[in-house]
């Protein structure tokens, strides 16, 4: 009997015996629990799941990213919103096991492969927004007195089905008490996703004021169809194209010419953001507008640069702006403004 008991205990303590031990999933409380296909459990917060990539926040391991194919089980401790590929939305405490999932307390099951997006149920409106303000100032004195001020504001609101964007940019330059540059540009758009990649832009609008381009006020309103070419945690690239209508009020015109012009337009734009490293992001925004010859024939607006993280809420922003009007409106003396405007901006950005 002693020999039998000894052999039994040794067998139970062997690695093979332990390998058969499969514990029950943890009981969620305020945490979300994630099990990898290796069998390891992680405790933390499910931030989002999009484009088959899951973002998970752990107190000990910081931010982690997983391919959905590497996930075996999910047990959420908070309410999640799940959008399916047919745009049906279900909400509750998520229970995912392999190829199917359900909400706790529900007998309705869904296929995991039909998940388009998963985000936490937002408790406040502020959690849906990402806002950044950037300011650059250059003061020069001595043989020449010069002041350059550049400011910008970017705001994004993203829900499970749509995206709202707002951008503002202003530039002011003064040399020897003479204003040499002064302009404002405001643009906004609403995107409604039809699939994980295809979206419609039911409305976008832009306002421009640039006296040095002979533009007192310029309003553009339009709509378009867009496609999300790439959407991962490191790369976002989208393209939009569609018709528009614009009206332009000029400051001065040649004798006999109209100081206000209306025109149909065709607008195409692209937006690219790339995370080069954990501290450096690259961005490229470009918009091309085809209009009538009376308002310039075509224009384009490009902003590109780098955002270098200095702290949790602080960035160093390096950007270049290129604006071009192919046929600027001549002023009362018959002089034509320069077709191209270039700006290099160095500023400090504040993120929320």
Protein backbone atom coordinates (compact mmCIF):
# COMPACT_ATOMS: atom_id res chain seq x y z
CA UNK A 1 0.00 0.00 0.00
CA UNK A 2 2.84 2.40 0.81
CA UNK A 3 4.46 1.71 -2.54
CA UNK A 4 1.13 2.19 -4.32
CA UNK A 5 0.51 5.51 -2.51
CA UNK A 6 4.00 6.76 -3.31
CA UNK A 7 3.62 5.94 -7.02
CA UNK A 8 0.16 7.57 -7.09
CA UNK A 9 1.47 10.81 -5.52
CA UNK A 10 4.43 10.97 -7.91
CA UNK A 11 2.15 10.52 -10.89
CA UNK A 12 -0.15 13.28 -9.68
CA UNK A 13 2.80 15.65 -9.21
CA UNK A 14 4.32 14.94 -12.62
CA UNK A 15 4.27 17.61 -15.35
CA UNK A 16 2.01 15.40 -17.43
CA UNK A 17 -0.60 15.42 -14.70
CA UNK A 18 -0.41 19.19 -14.33
CA UNK A 19 -0.76 19.63 -18.09
CA UNK A 20 -4.23 18.11 -17.86
CA UNK A 21 -5.36 20.78 -15.39
CA UNK A 22 -7.62 23.28 -17.20
CA UNK A 23 -9.00 25.87 -14.73
CA UNK A 24 -12.34 27.48 -15.20
CA UNK A 25 -12.20 31.02 -16.66
CA UNK A 26 -11.83 33.78 -14.06
CA UNK A 27 -15.03 35.40 -12.88
CA UNK A 28 -15.07 39.00 -14.24
CA UNK A 29 -15.53 41.75 -11.69
CA UNK A 30 -14.41 45.22 -12.72
CA UNK A 31 -11.75 43.72 -15.01
CA UNK A 32 -11.84 42.20 -18.45
CA UNK A 33 -10.19 38.79 -18.85
CA UNK A 34 -8.44 37.56 -21.97
CA UNK A 35 -7.18 34.04 -22.65
CA UNK A 36 -4.65 33.39 -25.42
CA UNK A 37 -4.56 30.17 -27.39
CA UNK A 38 -1.48 29.26 -25.34
CA UNK A 39 -3.81 29.04 -22.33
CA UNK A 40 -2.47 32.16 -20.56
CA UNK A 41 -5.00 34.49 -18.91
CA UNK A 42 -4.54 38.27 -18.84
CA UNK A 43 -6.38 40.72 -16.59
CA UNK A 44 -6.95 44.31 -17.65
CA UNK A 45 -9.14 46.47 -19.85
CA UNK A 46 -10.34 45.73 -23.37
CA UNK A 47 -9.84 49.07 -25.13
CA UNK A 48 -11.08 48.22 -28.61
CA UNK A 49 -11.25 45.56 -31.28
CA UNK A 50 -11.14 46.70 -34.89
CA UNK A 51 -9.93 45.25 -38.21
CA UNK A 52 -9.28 41.87 -36.48
CA UNK A 53 -6.87 43.53 -34.01
CA UNK A 54 -7.55 43.77 -30.28
CA UNK A 55 -6.09 46.47 -28.04
CA UNK A 56 -5.75 45.46 -24.39
CA UNK A 57 -4.53 47.58 -21.47
CA UNK A 58 -2.76 45.83 -18.59
CA UNK A 59 -1.51 47.49 -15.40
CA UNK A 60 1.65 45.38 -15.43
CA UNK A 61 2.26 44.94 -19.18
CA UNK A 62 0.92 48.31 -20.44
CA UNK A 63 -0.78 48.40 -23.86
CA UNK A 64 -0.85 45.13 -25.80
CA UNK A 65 -2.09 44.31 -29.30
CA UNK A 66 -3.31 40.88 -30.39
CA UNK A 67 -4.54 39.38 -33.61
CA UNK A 68 -8.08 38.10 -33.08
CA UNK A 69 -6.94 34.64 -34.26
CA UNK A 70 -4.66 34.43 -31.20
CA UNK A 71 -7.57 34.91 -28.78
CA UNK A 72 -9.23 31.83 -27.27
CA UNK A 73 -11.63 33.38 -24.74
CA UNK A 74 -12.85 36.80 -23.59
CA UNK A 75 -14.78 37.54 -20.40
CA UNK A 76 -15.68 41.22 -20.01
CA UNK A 77 -16.33 42.83 -16.66
CA UNK A 78 -17.95 45.92 -18.23
CA UNK A 79 -20.56 46.52 -20.90
CA UNK A 80 -19.25 46.35 -24.45
CA UNK A 81 -20.83 47.42 -27.74
CA UNK A 82 -20.30 44.88 -30.54
CA UNK A 83 -21.04 45.84 -34.15
CA UNK A 84 -21.43 42.96 -36.61
CA UNK A 85 -20.64 43.02 -40.32
CA UNK A 86 -24.36 43.41 -41.06
CA UNK A 87 -24.26 46.57 -38.87
CA UNK A 88 -26.38 44.99 -36.15
CA UNK A 89 -25.22 46.16 -32.71
CA UNK A 90 -25.44 44.10 -29.53
CA UNK A 91 -24.44 45.29 -26.06
CA UNK A 92 -23.72 43.60 -22.75
CA UNK A 93 -21.08 41.61 -20.88
CA UNK A 94 -19.20 39.77 -23.61
CA UNK A 95 -18.54 36.02 -23.41
CA UNK A 96 -16.41 34.83 -26.32
CA UNK A 97 -15.38 31.20 -26.69
CA UNK A 98 -13.49 30.32 -29.82
CA UNK A 99 -15.67 30.72 -32.89
CA UNK A 100 -18.79 32.04 -31.17
CA UNK A 101 -19.84 34.65 -28.63
CA UNK A 102 -22.87 35.81 -26.69
CA UNK A 103 -23.83 38.36 -24.07
CA UNK A 104 -24.12 37.18 -20.48
CA UNK A 105 -27.70 36.16 -19.70
CA UNK A 106 -28.61 35.85 -23.38
CA UNK A 107 -29.25 32.61 -25.25
CA UNK A 108 -28.50 34.26 -28.62
CA UNK A 109 -25.15 33.21 -30.09
CA UNK A 110 -23.17 34.88 -32.88
CA UNK A 111 -20.13 33.90 -34.92
CA UNK A 112 -16.88 35.53 -33.83
CA UNK A 113 -15.89 35.99 -37.49
CA UNK A 114 -18.87 38.35 -37.93
CA UNK A 115 -17.48 40.90 -35.44
CA UNK A 116 -16.65 44.23 -37.09
CA UNK A 117 -15.89 46.39 -34.04
CA UNK A 118 -15.91 46.12 -30.25
CA UNK A 119 -15.67 49.20 -28.04
CA UNK A 120 -16.57 49.82 -24.38
CA UNK A 121 -19.96 51.35 -23.69
CA UNK A 122 -19.07 55.03 -23.25
CA UNK A 123 -20.13 56.53 -19.96
CA UNK A 124 -19.40 60.12 -21.00
CA UNK A 125 -19.40 62.08 -24.24
CA UNK A 126 -15.82 63.18 -23.59
CA UNK A 127 -14.53 59.61 -23.96
CA UNK A 128 -15.52 59.65 -27.66
CA UNK A 129 -13.32 62.65 -28.49
CA UNK A 130 -9.65 63.10 -29.35
CA UNK A 131 -8.55 66.76 -29.38
CA UNK A 132 -5.20 68.38 -30.11
CA UNK A 133 -4.17 72.03 -30.02
CA UNK A 134 -0.82 73.17 -31.43
CA UNK A 135 0.86 76.58 -31.16
CA UNK A 136 4.03 77.88 -32.77
CA UNK A 137 5.53 81.34 -32.12
CA UNK A 138 8.63 82.91 -33.65
CA UNK A 139 9.80 86.32 -32.36
CA UNK A 140 12.73 88.11 -33.98
CA UNK A 141 14.26 91.50 -33.11
CA UNK A 142 17.39 93.48 -33.91
CA UNK A 143 17.97 94.50 -37.51
CA UNK A 144 14.48 93.26 -38.34
CA UNK A 145 11.37 93.08 -36.20
CA UNK A 146 9.37 89.96 -37.04
CA UNK A 147 6.54 88.00 -35.42
CA UNK A 148 5.19 84.66 -36.68
CA UNK A 149 2.28 82.90 -35.00
CA UNK A 150 0.79 79.60 -36.17
CA UNK A 151 -1.99 77.73 -34.44
CA UNK A 152 -4.10 74.67 -35.22
CA UNK A 153 -6.88 72.66 -33.62
CA UNK A 154 -7.82 69.09 -34.52
CA UNK A 155 -10.87 67.35 -33.08
CA UNK A 156 -12.11 63.82 -33.80
CA UNK A 157 -15.24 62.08 -32.52
CA UNK A 158 -15.47 58.36 -33.23
CA UNK A 159 -18.33 56.02 -32.41
CA UNK A 160 -18.95 52.46 -33.45
CA UNK A 161 -20.62 53.56 -36.71
CA UNK A 162 -19.47 57.06 -37.63
CA UNK A 163 -16.67 59.61 -37.40
CA UNK A 164 -16.74 63.41 -37.11
CA UNK A 165 -13.66 65.54 -37.86
CA UNK A 166 -12.97 69.24 -37.33
CA UNK A 167 -9.78 71.11 -38.29
CA UNK A 168 -8.77 74.73 -37.81
CA UNK A 169 -5.53 76.39 -38.93
CA UNK A 170 -4.47 80.04 -38.63
CA UNK A 171 -1.27 81.86 -39.60
CA UNK A 172 -0.14 85.40 -38.85
CA UNK A 173 3.15 87.10 -39.76
CA UNK A 174 4.28 90.67 -39.20
CA UNK A 175 7.58 92.27 -40.31
CA UNK A 176 8.57 95.83 -39.34
CA UNK A 177 4.98 96.46 -38.16
CA UNK A 178 3.63 95.40 -41.56
CA UNK A 179 1.36 92.35 -41.83
CA UNK A 180 2.82 89.96 -44.39
CA UNK A 181 0.57 86.93 -43.89
CA UNK A 182 -2.83 86.37 -42.32
CA UNK A 183 -5.26 83.55 -43.04
CA UNK A 184 -7.79 81.21 -41.46
CA UNK A 185 -8.97 77.79 -42.66
CA UNK A 186 -11.78 75.76 -41.06
CA UNK A 187 -12.92 72.37 -42.33
CA UNK A 188 -15.30 69.73 -41.02
CA UNK A 189 -16.75 66.41 -42.19
CA UNK A 190 -19.01 63.56 -41.10
CA UNK A 191 -18.33 59.94 -42.14
CA UNK A 192 -20.89 57.13 -41.86
CA UNK A 193 -19.47 53.62 -42.24
CA UNK A 194 -21.36 51.17 -44.44
CA UNK A 195 -18.84 48.36 -43.98
CA UNK A 196 -15.51 48.10 -42.17
CA UNK A 197 -13.85 49.92 -45.10
CA UNK A 198 -16.52 51.69 -47.17
CA UNK A 199 -18.14 54.88 -45.88
CA UNK A 200 -20.16 57.80 -47.14
CA UNK A 201 -19.44 61.42 -46.33
CA UNK A 202 -22.94 62.95 -46.43
CA UNK A 203 -21.54 66.41 -45.83
CA UNK A 204 -18.25 68.22 -45.58
CA UNK A 205 -17.62 71.96 -45.40
CA UNK A 206 -14.68 74.34 -45.53
CA UNK A 207 -14.20 78.06 -44.92
CA UNK A 208 -11.12 80.00 -46.05
CA UNK A 209 -10.09 83.62 -45.47
CA UNK A 210 -6.81 84.69 -47.07
CA UNK A 211 -6.39 88.39 -47.99
CA UNK A 212 -2.97 87.74 -49.53
CA UNK A 213 -4.62 85.35 -51.98
CA UNK A 214 -7.26 88.06 -52.65
CA UNK A 215 -9.90 85.93 -50.88
CA UNK A 216 -12.22 87.70 -48.46
CA UNK A 217 -14.44 84.65 -47.86
CA UNK A 218 -14.61 81.26 -49.52
CA UNK A 219 -17.20 78.62 -48.60
CA UNK A 220 -17.19 75.02 -49.89
CA UNK A 221 -19.91 72.43 -49.20
CA UNK A 222 -20.10 68.92 -50.63
CA UNK A 223 -20.48 65.18 -50.10
CA UNK A 224 -18.52 62.12 -51.11
CA UNK A 225 -17.80 58.42 -51.02
CA UNK A 226 -14.83 57.17 -49.03
CA UNK A 227 -12.74 54.06 -48.58
CA UNK A 228 -10.58 53.10 -45.59
CA UNK A 229 -7.60 51.59 -47.41
CA UNK A 230 -5.72 50.63 -44.22
CA UNK A 231 -6.94 50.79 -40.64
CA UNK A 232 -4.63 49.23 -38.05
CA UNK A 233 -3.17 50.41 -34.77
CA UNK A 234 -0.07 51.69 -36.65
CA UNK A 235 -1.39 52.83 -40.05
CA UNK A 236 -4.58 54.66 -41.02
CA UNK A 237 -5.15 55.61 -44.66
CA UNK A 238 -8.42 56.79 -46.16
CA UNK A 239 -9.51 58.35 -49.45
CA UNK A 240 -12.65 60.38 -50.26
CA UNK A 241 -14.00 61.82 -53.49
CA UNK A 242 -17.21 63.58 -54.46
CA UNK A 243 -18.97 66.68 -55.81
CA UNK A 244 -19.10 70.08 -54.09
CA UNK A 245 -20.31 73.64 -54.51
CA UNK A 246 -18.34 76.74 -53.56
CA UNK A 247 -18.83 80.49 -53.44
CA UNK A 248 -15.95 82.98 -53.27
CA UNK A 249 -15.97 86.66 -52.31
CA UNK A 250 -12.86 88.47 -53.58
CA UNK A 251 -11.33 91.55 -51.96
CA UNK A 252 -10.41 93.33 -55.20
CA UNK A 253 -11.04 92.57 -58.88
CA UNK A 254 -10.24 94.17 -62.20
CA UNK A 255 -12.63 96.77 -63.52
CA UNK A 256 -15.70 95.11 -65.01
CA UNK A 257 -15.08 91.76 -63.28
CA UNK A 258 -17.39 90.29 -60.66
CA UNK A 259 -16.12 90.30 -57.07
CA UNK A 260 -18.18 87.18 -56.25
CA UNK A 261 -18.07 83.85 -58.07
CA UNK A 262 -20.01 80.61 -57.60
CA UNK A 263 -18.87 77.30 -59.02
CA UNK A 264 -19.50 73.60 -58.99
CA UNK A 265 -16.49 71.56 -57.90
CA UNK A 266 -15.07 68.07 -57.67
CA UNK A 267 -13.05 67.27 -54.54
CA UNK A 268 -10.76 64.36 -53.80
CA UNK A 269 -8.70 63.96 -50.63
CA UNK A 270 -6.51 61.49 -48.81
CA UNK A 271 -5.43 61.22 -45.16
CA UNK A 272 -2.53 59.10 -43.95
CA UNK A 273 -1.23 58.55 -40.42
CA UNK A 274 1.69 56.22 -39.67
CA UNK A 275 3.14 55.36 -36.27
CA UNK A 276 6.87 55.25 -37.07
CA UNK A 277 7.78 54.38 -33.48
CA UNK A 278 6.27 54.58 -30.01
CA UNK A 279 7.22 58.29 -29.86
CA UNK A 280 7.03 59.50 -33.49
CA UNK A 281 4.00 59.73 -35.80
CA UNK A 282 3.96 60.78 -39.47
CA UNK A 283 0.90 62.42 -41.07
CA UNK A 284 -0.03 63.48 -44.59
CA UNK A 285 -3.28 65.28 -45.54
CA UNK A 286 -3.98 66.31 -49.13
CA UNK A 287 -7.05 67.82 -50.80
CA UNK A 288 -7.43 68.59 -54.52
CA UNK A 289 -10.37 70.71 -55.73
CA UNK A 290 -11.28 71.10 -59.40
CA UNK A 291 -13.32 74.30 -60.01
CA UNK A 292 -14.20 76.73 -62.77
CA UNK A 293 -11.50 78.99 -64.23
CA UNK A 294 -13.15 82.06 -62.67
CA UNK A 295 -12.28 80.83 -59.17
CA UNK A 296 -8.87 79.34 -59.90
CA UNK A 297 -9.29 76.29 -62.20
CA UNK A 298 -7.95 74.02 -59.46
CA UNK A 299 -6.55 74.33 -55.95
CA UNK A 300 -4.83 72.01 -53.54
CA UNK A 301 -4.06 72.07 -49.83
CA UNK A 302 -1.39 69.82 -48.34
CA UNK A 303 -0.22 69.42 -44.75
CA UNK A 304 2.47 66.91 -43.79
CA UNK A 305 4.89 66.44 -40.94
CA UNK A 306 5.90 64.65 -37.75
CA UNK A 307 4.50 64.56 -34.22
CA UNK A 308 7.18 63.73 -31.65
CA UNK A 309 5.93 62.77 -28.20
CA UNK A 310 7.54 64.74 -25.37
CA UNK A 311 5.23 63.55 -22.60
CA UNK A 312 1.82 62.08 -21.94
CA UNK A 313 -0.01 65.17 -23.22
CA UNK A 314 2.79 67.11 -24.94
CA UNK A 315 4.15 66.83 -28.51
CA UNK A 316 6.71 68.60 -30.66
CA UNK A 317 5.02 69.26 -34.02
CA UNK A 318 7.02 69.73 -37.22
CA UNK A 319 4.88 70.39 -40.29
CA UNK A 320 4.93 71.84 -43.78
CA UNK A 321 1.93 73.42 -45.54
CA UNK A 322 1.62 73.87 -49.30
CA UNK A 323 -1.32 75.76 -50.81
CA UNK A 324 -1.68 76.31 -54.56
CA UNK A 325 -4.25 78.09 -56.74
CA UNK A 326 -3.63 77.52 -60.43
CA UNK A 327 -5.22 80.79 -61.59
CA UNK A 328 -5.51 83.31 -58.71
CA UNK A 329 -7.95 86.20 -59.14
CA UNK A 330 -6.22 89.43 -60.21
CA UNK A 331 -6.69 92.51 -58.04
CA UNK A 332 -7.85 96.00 -59.10
CA UNK A 333 -4.38 96.84 -60.50
CA UNK A 334 -4.27 93.66 -62.55
CA UNK A 335 -1.66 92.04 -60.31
CA UNK A 336 -1.98 88.30 -59.79
CA UNK A 337 -1.14 86.78 -56.39
CA UNK A 338 1.53 84.09 -56.23
CA UNK A 339 0.17 80.67 -57.11
CA UNK A 340 1.99 78.86 -54.31
CA UNK A 341 2.21 79.47 -50.57
CA UNK A 342 4.66 77.44 -48.46
CA UNK A 343 4.96 77.37 -44.68
CA UNK A 344 7.19 75.43 -42.33
CA UNK A 345 5.76 75.31 -38.81
CA UNK A 346 7.40 74.26 -35.55
CA UNK A 347 5.06 74.17 -32.59
CA UNK A 348 4.13 72.54 -29.30
CA UNK A 349 1.01 70.37 -29.30
CA UNK A 350 -1.30 69.55 -26.39
CA UNK A 351 -3.25 66.28 -26.64
CA UNK A 352 -6.48 65.21 -24.98
